N, C-alpha and C. Protein backbone atom coordinates (compact mmCIF):
# COMPACT_ATOMS: atom_id res chain seq x y z
N UNK A 1 0.85 -1.20 0.00
CA UNK A 1 0.00 0.00 0.00
C UNK A 1 0.88 1.24 0.00
N UNK A 2 0.66 2.13 -0.95
CA UNK A 2 1.40 3.38 -1.03
C UNK A 2 0.43 4.54 -1.21
N UNK A 3 0.85 5.70 -0.75
CA UNK A 3 0.00 6.89 -0.82
C UNK A 3 0.66 7.93 -1.70
N UNK A 4 -0.14 8.58 -2.53
CA UNK A 4 0.35 9.58 -3.48
C UNK A 4 -0.51 10.84 -3.37
N UNK A 5 0.13 11.98 -3.25
CA UNK A 5 -0.57 13.26 -3.27
C UNK A 5 -0.54 13.80 -4.70
N UNK A 6 -1.70 14.23 -5.19
CA UNK A 6 -1.82 14.68 -6.57
C UNK A 6 -2.41 16.09 -6.58
N UNK A 7 -1.68 17.09 -7.09
CA UNK A 7 -2.25 18.44 -7.19
C UNK A 7 -3.30 18.50 -8.30
N UNK A 8 -4.42 19.15 -8.03
CA UNK A 8 -5.46 19.39 -9.04
C UNK A 8 -5.89 20.85 -8.95
N UNK A 9 -6.70 21.27 -9.90
CA UNK A 9 -7.20 22.65 -9.88
C UNK A 9 -8.17 22.88 -8.73
N UNK A 10 -8.61 21.82 -8.06
CA UNK A 10 -9.50 21.95 -6.90
C UNK A 10 -8.73 21.78 -5.59
N UNK A 11 -7.42 21.63 -5.66
CA UNK A 11 -6.61 21.41 -4.48
C UNK A 11 -5.94 20.04 -4.54
N UNK A 12 -5.14 19.74 -3.53
CA UNK A 12 -4.43 18.46 -3.50
C UNK A 12 -5.38 17.32 -3.18
N UNK A 13 -5.31 16.27 -3.98
CA UNK A 13 -6.06 15.04 -3.73
C UNK A 13 -5.06 13.96 -3.28
N UNK A 14 -5.59 12.84 -2.83
CA UNK A 14 -4.72 11.77 -2.35
C UNK A 14 -5.21 10.43 -2.88
N UNK A 15 -4.27 9.62 -3.36
CA UNK A 15 -4.56 8.28 -3.84
C UNK A 15 -3.82 7.28 -2.95
N UNK A 16 -4.55 6.30 -2.43
CA UNK A 16 -3.93 5.19 -1.73
C UNK A 16 -4.02 3.97 -2.63
N UNK A 17 -2.85 3.50 -3.05
CA UNK A 17 -2.76 2.40 -4.01
C UNK A 17 -2.70 1.05 -3.29
N UNK A 18 -3.55 0.15 -3.71
CA UNK A 18 -3.52 -1.25 -3.27
C UNK A 18 -3.23 -2.06 -4.53
N UNK A 19 -1.96 -2.38 -4.74
CA UNK A 19 -1.52 -2.89 -6.03
C UNK A 19 -1.63 -4.41 -6.11
N UNK A 20 -2.00 -4.86 -7.31
CA UNK A 20 -2.06 -6.28 -7.61
C UNK A 20 -0.79 -6.69 -8.36
N UNK A 21 -0.35 -7.92 -8.13
CA UNK A 21 0.73 -8.47 -8.94
C UNK A 21 0.19 -8.74 -10.34
N UNK A 22 0.95 -8.37 -11.35
CA UNK A 22 0.54 -8.57 -12.74
C UNK A 22 -0.88 -8.04 -12.98
N UNK A 23 -1.11 -6.80 -12.56
CA UNK A 23 -2.45 -6.20 -12.67
C UNK A 23 -2.87 -6.06 -14.13
N UNK A 24 -4.18 -6.27 -14.35
CA UNK A 24 -4.78 -6.10 -15.67
C UNK A 24 -5.56 -4.81 -15.79
N UNK A 25 -6.03 -4.30 -14.65
CA UNK A 25 -6.88 -3.12 -14.61
C UNK A 25 -6.57 -2.31 -13.36
N UNK A 26 -6.95 -1.03 -13.41
CA UNK A 26 -6.99 -0.19 -12.22
C UNK A 26 -8.44 0.14 -11.93
N UNK A 27 -8.87 -0.12 -10.71
CA UNK A 27 -10.19 0.31 -10.26
C UNK A 27 -10.00 1.50 -9.34
N UNK A 28 -10.42 2.68 -9.80
CA UNK A 28 -10.30 3.91 -9.03
C UNK A 28 -11.65 4.23 -8.41
N UNK A 29 -11.71 4.29 -7.10
CA UNK A 29 -12.98 4.54 -6.43
C UNK A 29 -12.84 5.66 -5.40
N UNK A 30 -13.81 6.57 -5.41
CA UNK A 30 -13.81 7.69 -4.48
C UNK A 30 -14.98 7.58 -3.52
N UNK A 31 -14.93 8.37 -2.50
CA UNK A 31 -15.91 8.36 -1.41
C UNK A 31 -17.12 9.24 -1.76
N UNK A 32 -18.07 9.28 -0.83
CA UNK A 32 -19.24 10.12 -0.99
C UNK A 32 -19.09 11.44 -0.27
N UNK A 33 -20.20 12.16 -0.15
CA UNK A 33 -20.18 13.48 0.48
C UNK A 33 -20.20 13.40 2.00
N UNK A 34 -20.53 12.23 2.54
CA UNK A 34 -20.67 12.12 3.98
C UNK A 34 -19.59 11.32 4.67
N UNK A 35 -18.53 10.96 3.95
CA UNK A 35 -17.48 10.15 4.56
C UNK A 35 -16.28 10.06 3.65
N UNK A 36 -15.34 9.22 4.04
CA UNK A 36 -14.10 9.10 3.28
C UNK A 36 -13.86 7.69 2.79
N UNK A 37 -12.60 7.39 2.49
CA UNK A 37 -12.27 6.09 1.93
C UNK A 37 -12.27 4.99 2.99
N UNK A 38 -12.60 5.33 4.22
CA UNK A 38 -12.74 4.30 5.25
C UNK A 38 -14.08 3.57 5.14
N UNK A 39 -14.93 3.96 4.21
CA UNK A 39 -16.23 3.30 4.02
C UNK A 39 -16.05 1.80 3.85
N UNK A 40 -16.97 1.03 4.43
CA UNK A 40 -16.82 -0.42 4.47
C UNK A 40 -16.72 -1.06 3.08
N UNK A 41 -17.45 -0.55 2.12
CA UNK A 41 -17.41 -1.15 0.79
C UNK A 41 -16.09 -0.85 0.09
N UNK A 42 -15.59 0.37 0.23
CA UNK A 42 -14.33 0.72 -0.40
C UNK A 42 -13.17 -0.09 0.19
N UNK A 43 -13.17 -0.22 1.50
CA UNK A 43 -12.11 -0.99 2.15
C UNK A 43 -12.18 -2.47 1.77
N UNK A 44 -13.40 -3.00 1.66
CA UNK A 44 -13.56 -4.40 1.28
C UNK A 44 -13.04 -4.64 -0.13
N UNK A 45 -13.33 -3.72 -1.05
CA UNK A 45 -12.83 -3.85 -2.41
C UNK A 45 -11.30 -3.77 -2.46
N UNK A 46 -10.73 -2.88 -1.66
CA UNK A 46 -9.27 -2.73 -1.62
C UNK A 46 -8.59 -4.00 -1.11
N UNK A 47 -9.27 -4.71 -0.21
CA UNK A 47 -8.71 -5.97 0.29
C UNK A 47 -8.88 -7.11 -0.72
N UNK A 48 -10.01 -7.14 -1.40
CA UNK A 48 -10.35 -8.31 -2.21
C UNK A 48 -9.87 -8.27 -3.65
N UNK A 49 -9.94 -7.12 -4.29
CA UNK A 49 -9.72 -7.06 -5.73
C UNK A 49 -8.28 -7.31 -6.19
N UNK A 50 -7.24 -6.90 -5.43
CA UNK A 50 -5.89 -7.20 -5.90
C UNK A 50 -5.65 -8.70 -6.14
N UNK A 51 -6.34 -9.54 -5.39
CA UNK A 51 -6.22 -10.98 -5.60
C UNK A 51 -6.82 -11.46 -6.90
N UNK A 52 -7.56 -10.58 -7.56
CA UNK A 52 -8.17 -10.89 -8.87
C UNK A 52 -7.46 -10.14 -10.00
N UNK A 53 -6.26 -9.65 -9.73
CA UNK A 53 -5.50 -8.97 -10.77
C UNK A 53 -5.92 -7.54 -11.01
N UNK A 54 -6.54 -6.92 -10.02
CA UNK A 54 -7.03 -5.55 -10.16
C UNK A 54 -6.36 -4.68 -9.10
N UNK A 55 -5.63 -3.66 -9.55
CA UNK A 55 -5.09 -2.68 -8.62
C UNK A 55 -6.20 -1.71 -8.22
N UNK A 56 -6.37 -1.49 -6.93
CA UNK A 56 -7.41 -0.60 -6.43
C UNK A 56 -6.77 0.71 -5.97
N UNK A 57 -7.29 1.82 -6.50
CA UNK A 57 -6.84 3.15 -6.10
C UNK A 57 -7.97 3.82 -5.33
N UNK A 58 -7.79 3.98 -4.02
CA UNK A 58 -8.77 4.68 -3.20
C UNK A 58 -8.47 6.17 -3.25
N UNK A 59 -9.42 6.94 -3.73
CA UNK A 59 -9.20 8.36 -4.01
C UNK A 59 -9.90 9.23 -2.98
N UNK A 60 -9.15 10.14 -2.38
CA UNK A 60 -9.71 11.15 -1.49
C UNK A 60 -9.73 12.48 -2.22
N UNK A 61 -10.92 13.02 -2.38
CA UNK A 61 -11.09 14.29 -3.08
C UNK A 61 -10.43 15.43 -2.30
N UNK A 62 -10.05 16.51 -2.98
CA UNK A 62 -9.34 17.60 -2.32
C UNK A 62 -10.03 18.16 -1.07
N UNK A 63 -11.35 18.23 -1.08
CA UNK A 63 -12.03 18.80 0.09
C UNK A 63 -11.82 17.94 1.33
N UNK A 64 -11.72 16.63 1.15
CA UNK A 64 -11.46 15.75 2.30
C UNK A 64 -10.02 15.88 2.75
N UNK A 65 -9.10 15.94 1.79
CA UNK A 65 -7.69 16.10 2.13
C UNK A 65 -7.47 17.40 2.91
N UNK A 66 -8.22 18.43 2.55
CA UNK A 66 -8.10 19.73 3.21
C UNK A 66 -8.79 19.78 4.57
N UNK A 67 -9.48 18.71 4.95
CA UNK A 67 -10.12 18.64 6.26
C UNK A 67 -11.47 19.32 6.34
N UNK A 68 -12.07 19.63 5.19
CA UNK A 68 -13.38 20.27 5.20
C UNK A 68 -14.47 19.25 5.48
N UNK A 69 -15.56 19.71 6.08
CA UNK A 69 -16.64 18.81 6.47
C UNK A 69 -17.74 18.71 5.42
N UNK A 70 -17.83 19.69 4.54
CA UNK A 70 -18.89 19.70 3.54
C UNK A 70 -18.30 19.59 2.14
N UNK A 71 -18.91 18.75 1.32
CA UNK A 71 -18.44 18.59 -0.05
C UNK A 71 -18.79 19.83 -0.87
N UNK A 72 -17.96 20.18 -1.83
CA UNK A 72 -18.25 21.32 -2.70
C UNK A 72 -19.28 20.94 -3.76
N UNK A 73 -19.54 21.87 -4.66
CA UNK A 73 -20.50 21.66 -5.74
C UNK A 73 -20.03 20.56 -6.68
N UNK A 74 -20.97 19.89 -7.37
CA UNK A 74 -20.58 18.84 -8.32
C UNK A 74 -19.52 19.25 -9.31
N UNK A 75 -19.58 20.48 -9.81
CA UNK A 75 -18.59 20.95 -10.78
C UNK A 75 -17.19 20.88 -10.20
N UNK A 76 -17.03 21.24 -8.93
CA UNK A 76 -15.72 21.20 -8.29
C UNK A 76 -15.26 19.77 -8.07
N UNK A 77 -16.19 18.88 -7.71
CA UNK A 77 -15.85 17.46 -7.57
C UNK A 77 -15.34 16.91 -8.90
N UNK A 78 -16.00 17.27 -9.99
CA UNK A 78 -15.58 16.81 -11.32
C UNK A 78 -14.19 17.35 -11.66
N UNK A 79 -13.92 18.60 -11.29
CA UNK A 79 -12.61 19.19 -11.54
C UNK A 79 -11.52 18.40 -10.83
N UNK A 80 -11.76 18.03 -9.59
CA UNK A 80 -10.80 17.24 -8.84
C UNK A 80 -10.54 15.89 -9.50
N UNK A 81 -11.61 15.25 -9.96
CA UNK A 81 -11.49 13.93 -10.58
C UNK A 81 -10.71 14.01 -11.89
N UNK A 82 -11.01 15.03 -12.68
CA UNK A 82 -10.26 15.22 -13.93
C UNK A 82 -8.77 15.41 -13.64
N UNK A 83 -8.47 16.18 -12.62
CA UNK A 83 -7.07 16.44 -12.29
C UNK A 83 -6.33 15.20 -11.82
N UNK A 84 -7.06 14.26 -11.22
CA UNK A 84 -6.47 13.02 -10.74
C UNK A 84 -6.22 12.02 -11.86
N UNK A 85 -6.97 12.14 -12.93
CA UNK A 85 -7.00 11.07 -13.93
C UNK A 85 -5.63 10.70 -14.49
N UNK A 86 -4.77 11.66 -14.83
CA UNK A 86 -3.45 11.26 -15.35
C UNK A 86 -2.68 10.36 -14.40
N UNK A 87 -2.80 10.61 -13.10
CA UNK A 87 -2.10 9.75 -12.13
C UNK A 87 -2.72 8.36 -12.09
N UNK A 88 -4.05 8.28 -12.25
CA UNK A 88 -4.72 6.99 -12.25
C UNK A 88 -4.37 6.18 -13.51
N UNK A 89 -4.17 6.89 -14.61
CA UNK A 89 -3.84 6.23 -15.88
C UNK A 89 -2.35 5.96 -16.04
N UNK A 90 -1.52 6.51 -15.17
CA UNK A 90 -0.07 6.41 -15.31
C UNK A 90 0.46 4.98 -15.37
N UNK A 91 -0.15 4.01 -14.66
CA UNK A 91 0.36 2.64 -14.78
C UNK A 91 0.22 2.04 -16.18
N UNK A 92 -0.52 2.72 -17.07
CA UNK A 92 -0.68 2.24 -18.43
C UNK A 92 -1.70 1.14 -18.59
N UNK A 93 -2.61 1.02 -17.64
CA UNK A 93 -3.65 0.01 -17.66
C UNK A 93 -5.02 0.66 -17.87
N UNK A 94 -6.00 -0.10 -18.38
CA UNK A 94 -7.36 0.44 -18.44
C UNK A 94 -7.84 0.82 -17.04
N UNK A 95 -8.55 1.94 -16.95
CA UNK A 95 -9.02 2.43 -15.65
C UNK A 95 -10.54 2.33 -15.58
N UNK A 96 -11.02 1.62 -14.58
CA UNK A 96 -12.45 1.60 -14.26
C UNK A 96 -12.70 2.74 -13.29
N UNK A 97 -13.56 3.67 -13.69
CA UNK A 97 -13.85 4.85 -12.88
C UNK A 97 -15.01 4.55 -11.94
N UNK A 98 -14.82 4.76 -10.65
CA UNK A 98 -15.88 4.40 -9.72
C UNK A 98 -15.94 5.29 -8.50
N UNK A 99 -16.95 5.03 -7.70
CA UNK A 99 -17.12 5.77 -6.47
C UNK A 99 -18.40 5.34 -5.79
N UNK A 100 -18.55 5.84 -4.57
CA UNK A 100 -19.78 5.57 -3.84
C UNK A 100 -20.55 6.88 -3.68
N UNK A 101 -21.86 6.81 -3.85
CA UNK A 101 -22.77 7.94 -3.67
C UNK A 101 -22.35 9.12 -4.56
N UNK A 102 -21.97 10.25 -3.96
CA UNK A 102 -21.56 11.40 -4.77
C UNK A 102 -20.38 11.05 -5.67
N UNK A 103 -19.51 10.17 -5.20
CA UNK A 103 -18.38 9.73 -6.01
C UNK A 103 -18.83 8.95 -7.23
N UNK A 104 -19.93 8.20 -7.10
CA UNK A 104 -20.48 7.47 -8.25
C UNK A 104 -21.02 8.44 -9.29
N UNK A 105 -21.63 9.52 -8.83
CA UNK A 105 -22.14 10.54 -9.77
C UNK A 105 -20.98 11.16 -10.54
N UNK A 106 -19.89 11.47 -9.85
CA UNK A 106 -18.72 12.04 -10.52
C UNK A 106 -18.21 11.07 -11.59
N UNK A 107 -18.10 9.80 -11.23
CA UNK A 107 -17.60 8.81 -12.19
C UNK A 107 -18.48 8.74 -13.42
N UNK A 108 -19.79 8.77 -13.23
CA UNK A 108 -20.72 8.72 -14.37
C UNK A 108 -20.61 9.97 -15.24
N UNK A 109 -20.53 11.13 -14.60
CA UNK A 109 -20.52 12.39 -15.36
C UNK A 109 -19.27 12.55 -16.21
N UNK A 110 -18.15 11.98 -15.77
CA UNK A 110 -16.87 12.24 -16.43
C UNK A 110 -16.33 11.06 -17.23
N UNK A 111 -17.01 9.93 -17.19
CA UNK A 111 -16.45 8.70 -17.78
C UNK A 111 -16.15 8.85 -19.26
N UNK A 112 -17.10 9.39 -20.00
CA UNK A 112 -16.93 9.45 -21.46
C UNK A 112 -15.77 10.36 -21.84
N UNK A 113 -15.70 11.55 -21.23
CA UNK A 113 -14.64 12.49 -21.62
C UNK A 113 -13.26 12.01 -21.21
N UNK A 114 -13.18 11.23 -20.13
CA UNK A 114 -11.88 10.77 -19.65
C UNK A 114 -11.47 9.44 -20.28
N UNK A 115 -12.38 8.81 -20.99
CA UNK A 115 -12.05 7.53 -21.61
C UNK A 115 -12.01 6.37 -20.64
N UNK A 116 -12.86 6.39 -19.62
CA UNK A 116 -12.90 5.31 -18.65
C UNK A 116 -13.26 3.99 -19.34
N UNK A 117 -12.62 2.93 -18.90
CA UNK A 117 -12.88 1.60 -19.45
C UNK A 117 -14.28 1.12 -19.07
N UNK A 118 -14.72 1.51 -17.89
CA UNK A 118 -16.04 1.14 -17.38
C UNK A 118 -16.32 2.00 -16.15
N UNK A 119 -17.52 1.87 -15.59
CA UNK A 119 -17.92 2.67 -14.42
C UNK A 119 -18.50 1.74 -13.35
N UNK A 120 -18.04 1.93 -12.12
CA UNK A 120 -18.60 1.23 -10.96
C UNK A 120 -19.31 2.25 -10.10
N UNK A 121 -20.63 2.09 -9.96
CA UNK A 121 -21.44 3.02 -9.17
C UNK A 121 -21.94 2.30 -7.91
N UNK A 122 -21.32 2.62 -6.79
CA UNK A 122 -21.71 2.05 -5.50
C UNK A 122 -22.69 2.99 -4.82
N UNK A 123 -23.86 2.46 -4.44
CA UNK A 123 -24.88 3.29 -3.77
C UNK A 123 -25.17 4.56 -4.57
N UNK A 124 -25.47 4.40 -5.85
CA UNK A 124 -25.77 5.57 -6.67
C UNK A 124 -26.99 6.30 -6.10
N UNK A 125 -26.85 7.61 -5.81
CA UNK A 125 -27.97 8.36 -5.22
C UNK A 125 -28.96 8.79 -6.29
N UNK A 126 -29.86 7.89 -6.63
CA UNK A 126 -30.80 8.12 -7.73
C UNK A 126 -31.65 9.37 -7.49
N UNK A 127 -31.97 9.62 -6.23
CA UNK A 127 -32.75 10.81 -5.86
C UNK A 127 -32.51 11.12 -4.39
N UNK A 128 -32.79 12.33 -3.94
CA UNK A 128 -32.73 12.61 -2.50
C UNK A 128 -33.78 11.78 -1.78
N UNK A 129 -33.54 11.39 -0.53
CA UNK A 129 -34.53 10.60 0.20
C UNK A 129 -35.90 11.26 0.21
N UNK A 130 -36.90 10.48 -0.16
CA UNK A 130 -38.28 10.98 -0.17
C UNK A 130 -38.61 11.90 -1.33
N UNK A 131 -37.69 12.07 -2.28
CA UNK A 131 -37.92 12.98 -3.41
C UNK A 131 -37.67 12.26 -4.73
N UNK A 132 -38.44 11.23 -5.04
CA UNK A 132 -38.19 10.48 -6.28
C UNK A 132 -38.34 11.31 -7.54
N UNK A 133 -39.05 12.43 -7.45
CA UNK A 133 -39.21 13.28 -8.63
C UNK A 133 -37.91 14.00 -8.99
N UNK A 134 -36.96 14.06 -8.07
CA UNK A 134 -35.66 14.71 -8.32
C UNK A 134 -34.65 13.67 -8.81
N UNK A 135 -34.96 13.03 -9.91
CA UNK A 135 -34.16 11.91 -10.38
C UNK A 135 -32.83 12.35 -10.98
N UNK A 136 -31.80 11.56 -10.71
CA UNK A 136 -30.48 11.77 -11.32
C UNK A 136 -30.17 10.66 -12.32
N UNK A 137 -31.21 10.02 -12.80
CA UNK A 137 -31.02 8.88 -13.71
C UNK A 137 -30.24 9.27 -14.95
N UNK A 138 -30.38 10.50 -15.42
CA UNK A 138 -29.69 10.92 -16.64
C UNK A 138 -28.18 10.79 -16.50
N UNK A 139 -27.65 11.05 -15.30
CA UNK A 139 -26.20 10.92 -15.10
C UNK A 139 -25.77 9.47 -15.28
N UNK A 140 -26.54 8.56 -14.69
CA UNK A 140 -26.21 7.14 -14.79
C UNK A 140 -26.35 6.65 -16.22
N UNK A 141 -27.45 6.99 -16.85
CA UNK A 141 -27.71 6.49 -18.20
C UNK A 141 -26.77 7.12 -19.23
N UNK A 142 -26.20 8.26 -18.90
CA UNK A 142 -25.31 8.94 -19.83
C UNK A 142 -23.84 8.64 -19.64
N UNK A 143 -23.51 7.63 -18.84
CA UNK A 143 -22.10 7.35 -18.52
C UNK A 143 -21.28 7.04 -19.78
N UNK A 144 -21.88 6.37 -20.74
CA UNK A 144 -21.17 6.10 -21.99
C UNK A 144 -20.12 5.02 -21.91
N UNK A 145 -20.18 4.17 -20.88
CA UNK A 145 -19.24 3.07 -20.71
C UNK A 145 -19.98 1.96 -19.97
N UNK A 146 -19.51 0.70 -20.08
CA UNK A 146 -20.15 -0.37 -19.31
C UNK A 146 -20.22 0.00 -17.83
N UNK A 147 -21.39 -0.15 -17.25
CA UNK A 147 -21.62 0.34 -15.89
C UNK A 147 -22.23 -0.74 -15.01
N UNK A 148 -21.68 -0.88 -13.81
CA UNK A 148 -22.24 -1.75 -12.80
C UNK A 148 -22.71 -0.90 -11.63
N UNK A 149 -23.98 -1.08 -11.25
CA UNK A 149 -24.53 -0.42 -10.07
C UNK A 149 -24.64 -1.47 -8.96
N UNK A 150 -24.12 -1.14 -7.78
CA UNK A 150 -24.29 -1.98 -6.60
C UNK A 150 -25.11 -1.19 -5.61
N UNK A 151 -26.31 -1.68 -5.29
CA UNK A 151 -27.27 -0.88 -4.54
C UNK A 151 -27.87 -1.67 -3.39
N UNK A 152 -27.99 -1.02 -2.24
CA UNK A 152 -28.65 -1.65 -1.12
C UNK A 152 -30.14 -1.79 -1.34
N UNK A 153 -30.71 -2.88 -0.89
CA UNK A 153 -32.13 -3.12 -1.06
C UNK A 153 -33.01 -2.13 -0.35
N UNK A 154 -32.48 -1.49 0.70
CA UNK A 154 -33.24 -0.50 1.46
C UNK A 154 -32.58 0.88 1.42
N UNK A 155 -31.94 1.18 0.31
CA UNK A 155 -31.27 2.48 0.19
C UNK A 155 -32.32 3.58 -0.02
N UNK A 156 -32.42 4.54 0.92
CA UNK A 156 -33.42 5.60 0.77
C UNK A 156 -33.12 6.56 -0.38
N UNK A 157 -31.91 6.50 -0.93
CA UNK A 157 -31.56 7.32 -2.08
C UNK A 157 -31.93 6.64 -3.40
N UNK A 158 -32.58 5.51 -3.31
CA UNK A 158 -33.01 4.78 -4.51
C UNK A 158 -32.84 3.29 -4.33
N UNK A 159 -33.97 2.58 -4.23
CA UNK A 159 -33.92 1.13 -4.15
C UNK A 159 -33.75 0.55 -5.55
N UNK A 160 -33.21 -0.64 -5.68
CA UNK A 160 -32.96 -1.20 -7.01
C UNK A 160 -34.16 -1.18 -7.95
N UNK A 161 -35.36 -1.44 -7.42
CA UNK A 161 -36.55 -1.48 -8.27
C UNK A 161 -36.90 -0.11 -8.84
N UNK A 162 -36.38 0.95 -8.24
CA UNK A 162 -36.68 2.31 -8.72
C UNK A 162 -35.84 2.70 -9.92
N UNK A 163 -34.78 1.97 -10.20
CA UNK A 163 -33.87 2.37 -11.27
C UNK A 163 -34.51 2.10 -12.64
N UNK A 164 -34.27 3.00 -13.58
CA UNK A 164 -34.82 2.80 -14.92
C UNK A 164 -34.09 1.69 -15.67
N UNK A 165 -34.75 1.18 -16.68
CA UNK A 165 -34.07 0.24 -17.57
C UNK A 165 -32.93 0.97 -18.29
N UNK A 166 -31.86 0.26 -18.55
CA UNK A 166 -30.73 0.88 -19.23
C UNK A 166 -29.64 -0.13 -19.49
N UNK A 167 -28.51 0.33 -20.01
CA UNK A 167 -27.42 -0.59 -20.34
C UNK A 167 -26.62 -1.06 -19.14
N UNK A 168 -26.89 -0.53 -17.97
CA UNK A 168 -26.13 -0.90 -16.78
C UNK A 168 -26.58 -2.26 -16.22
N UNK A 169 -25.68 -2.86 -15.46
CA UNK A 169 -26.01 -4.06 -14.68
C UNK A 169 -26.26 -3.65 -13.25
N UNK A 170 -27.05 -4.45 -12.54
CA UNK A 170 -27.42 -4.14 -11.16
C UNK A 170 -27.14 -5.33 -10.26
N UNK A 171 -26.48 -5.06 -9.14
CA UNK A 171 -26.34 -6.03 -8.06
C UNK A 171 -27.04 -5.46 -6.84
N UNK A 172 -27.99 -6.20 -6.30
CA UNK A 172 -28.70 -5.77 -5.09
C UNK A 172 -28.09 -6.44 -3.87
N UNK A 173 -27.87 -5.64 -2.83
CA UNK A 173 -27.41 -6.16 -1.55
C UNK A 173 -28.63 -6.17 -0.62
N UNK A 174 -29.23 -7.32 -0.37
CA UNK A 174 -30.50 -7.38 0.36
C UNK A 174 -30.43 -6.69 1.73
N UNK A 175 -31.45 -5.90 2.01
CA UNK A 175 -31.64 -5.24 3.32
C UNK A 175 -30.64 -4.14 3.61
N UNK A 176 -29.67 -3.90 2.73
CA UNK A 176 -28.63 -2.92 3.03
C UNK A 176 -29.11 -1.50 2.80
N UNK A 177 -28.55 -0.56 3.59
CA UNK A 177 -28.89 0.85 3.45
C UNK A 177 -27.87 1.53 2.53
N UNK A 178 -27.83 2.85 2.58
CA UNK A 178 -26.96 3.61 1.68
C UNK A 178 -25.47 3.33 1.93
N UNK A 179 -25.12 2.98 3.15
CA UNK A 179 -23.74 2.65 3.49
C UNK A 179 -23.48 1.15 3.48
N UNK A 180 -24.43 0.37 2.95
CA UNK A 180 -24.37 -1.09 2.89
C UNK A 180 -24.37 -1.73 4.28
N UNK A 181 -24.87 -1.01 5.26
CA UNK A 181 -25.09 -1.62 6.57
C UNK A 181 -26.39 -2.42 6.53
N UNK A 182 -26.39 -3.57 7.18
CA UNK A 182 -27.60 -4.39 7.26
C UNK A 182 -28.00 -4.53 8.72
N UNK A 183 -29.30 -4.47 9.02
CA UNK A 183 -29.74 -4.62 10.40
C UNK A 183 -29.55 -6.04 10.91
N UNK A 184 -29.49 -6.20 12.21
CA UNK A 184 -29.26 -7.52 12.81
C UNK A 184 -30.35 -8.51 12.44
N UNK A 185 -31.56 -8.00 12.19
CA UNK A 185 -32.67 -8.90 11.86
C UNK A 185 -32.68 -9.29 10.38
N UNK A 186 -31.75 -8.79 9.59
CA UNK A 186 -31.75 -9.04 8.15
C UNK A 186 -31.49 -10.51 7.85
N UNK A 187 -31.86 -10.90 6.62
CA UNK A 187 -31.67 -12.29 6.20
C UNK A 187 -30.22 -12.61 5.88
N UNK A 188 -29.37 -11.59 5.79
CA UNK A 188 -27.94 -11.81 5.57
C UNK A 188 -27.15 -11.08 6.65
N UNK A 189 -25.92 -11.53 6.88
CA UNK A 189 -25.04 -10.88 7.84
C UNK A 189 -24.30 -9.73 7.17
N UNK A 190 -23.65 -8.91 7.99
CA UNK A 190 -22.84 -7.83 7.43
C UNK A 190 -21.69 -8.39 6.60
N UNK A 191 -21.08 -9.45 7.07
CA UNK A 191 -19.99 -10.05 6.30
C UNK A 191 -20.49 -10.56 4.95
N UNK A 192 -21.67 -11.16 4.94
CA UNK A 192 -22.22 -11.66 3.68
C UNK A 192 -22.53 -10.51 2.73
N UNK A 193 -23.00 -9.39 3.27
CA UNK A 193 -23.27 -8.22 2.42
C UNK A 193 -22.01 -7.78 1.70
N UNK A 194 -20.90 -7.75 2.42
CA UNK A 194 -19.63 -7.34 1.80
C UNK A 194 -19.15 -8.37 0.79
N UNK A 195 -19.42 -9.65 1.06
CA UNK A 195 -19.06 -10.70 0.10
C UNK A 195 -19.84 -10.54 -1.20
N UNK A 196 -21.10 -10.16 -1.10
CA UNK A 196 -21.91 -9.93 -2.29
C UNK A 196 -21.31 -8.80 -3.13
N UNK A 197 -20.87 -7.75 -2.45
CA UNK A 197 -20.27 -6.61 -3.15
C UNK A 197 -18.96 -7.01 -3.82
N UNK A 198 -18.03 -7.56 -3.04
CA UNK A 198 -16.71 -7.86 -3.58
C UNK A 198 -16.77 -8.97 -4.63
N UNK A 199 -17.60 -9.99 -4.39
CA UNK A 199 -17.71 -11.07 -5.36
C UNK A 199 -18.34 -10.61 -6.65
N UNK A 200 -19.38 -9.80 -6.53
CA UNK A 200 -20.05 -9.30 -7.73
C UNK A 200 -19.17 -8.37 -8.54
N UNK A 201 -18.45 -7.49 -7.86
CA UNK A 201 -17.55 -6.57 -8.57
C UNK A 201 -16.40 -7.34 -9.22
N UNK A 202 -15.84 -8.31 -8.50
CA UNK A 202 -14.76 -9.09 -9.07
C UNK A 202 -15.20 -9.84 -10.34
N UNK A 203 -16.36 -10.45 -10.29
CA UNK A 203 -16.87 -11.18 -11.45
C UNK A 203 -17.09 -10.23 -12.63
N UNK A 204 -17.65 -9.06 -12.34
CA UNK A 204 -17.91 -8.09 -13.39
C UNK A 204 -16.62 -7.56 -14.01
N UNK A 205 -15.64 -7.25 -13.18
CA UNK A 205 -14.37 -6.73 -13.69
C UNK A 205 -13.69 -7.75 -14.59
N UNK A 206 -13.72 -9.02 -14.17
CA UNK A 206 -13.12 -10.07 -15.00
C UNK A 206 -13.83 -10.15 -16.35
N UNK A 207 -15.15 -9.93 -16.35
CA UNK A 207 -15.92 -10.02 -17.59
C UNK A 207 -15.60 -8.90 -18.56
N UNK A 208 -14.99 -7.82 -18.06
CA UNK A 208 -14.67 -6.68 -18.92
C UNK A 208 -13.54 -7.00 -19.89
N UNK A 209 -12.74 -8.01 -19.55
CA UNK A 209 -11.62 -8.38 -20.40
C UNK A 209 -10.41 -7.51 -20.21
């Protein structure tokens, strides 16, 4: 594991590399607006994917590196991601652009212009809680690259059944919320929820070729 600071027009960002031996792909994933790369799904992917020949780059946006508590506007998040991209592409491997929540939106919005190999959208915030009329489906549908959505079955930002038909694939994590936490009464354990995420993402990444 190595850490790299990358200057961008939005400030310094940070990449924590979890490298695979003989890597075939780089999976770059960023955090959401309410937390950092310590999120359970991001950490699980960083542990699991290198064993499948995928280098995982956990990306901290400049606002988090600067210690700010509130995320900036989407345009600024996109600026940070664009500035990071050369460092993510530097290993010379195809880059899967990804993130959780707000980070997933950034990945979708910028995938086509940056030439992302594919997009991983973890807990894509389809709409604000209780506001299904405020849909962000256009961002997801406009990604312009093979896209996998991993969504909690009880995510208040959009349950899997609420998503429109489109070219993306969907993996549902039963009973999970926006952070992929599952209640004790759920039909699956927390460990099983993470296995569904890591196993599904690994299978999908391998299918990309």
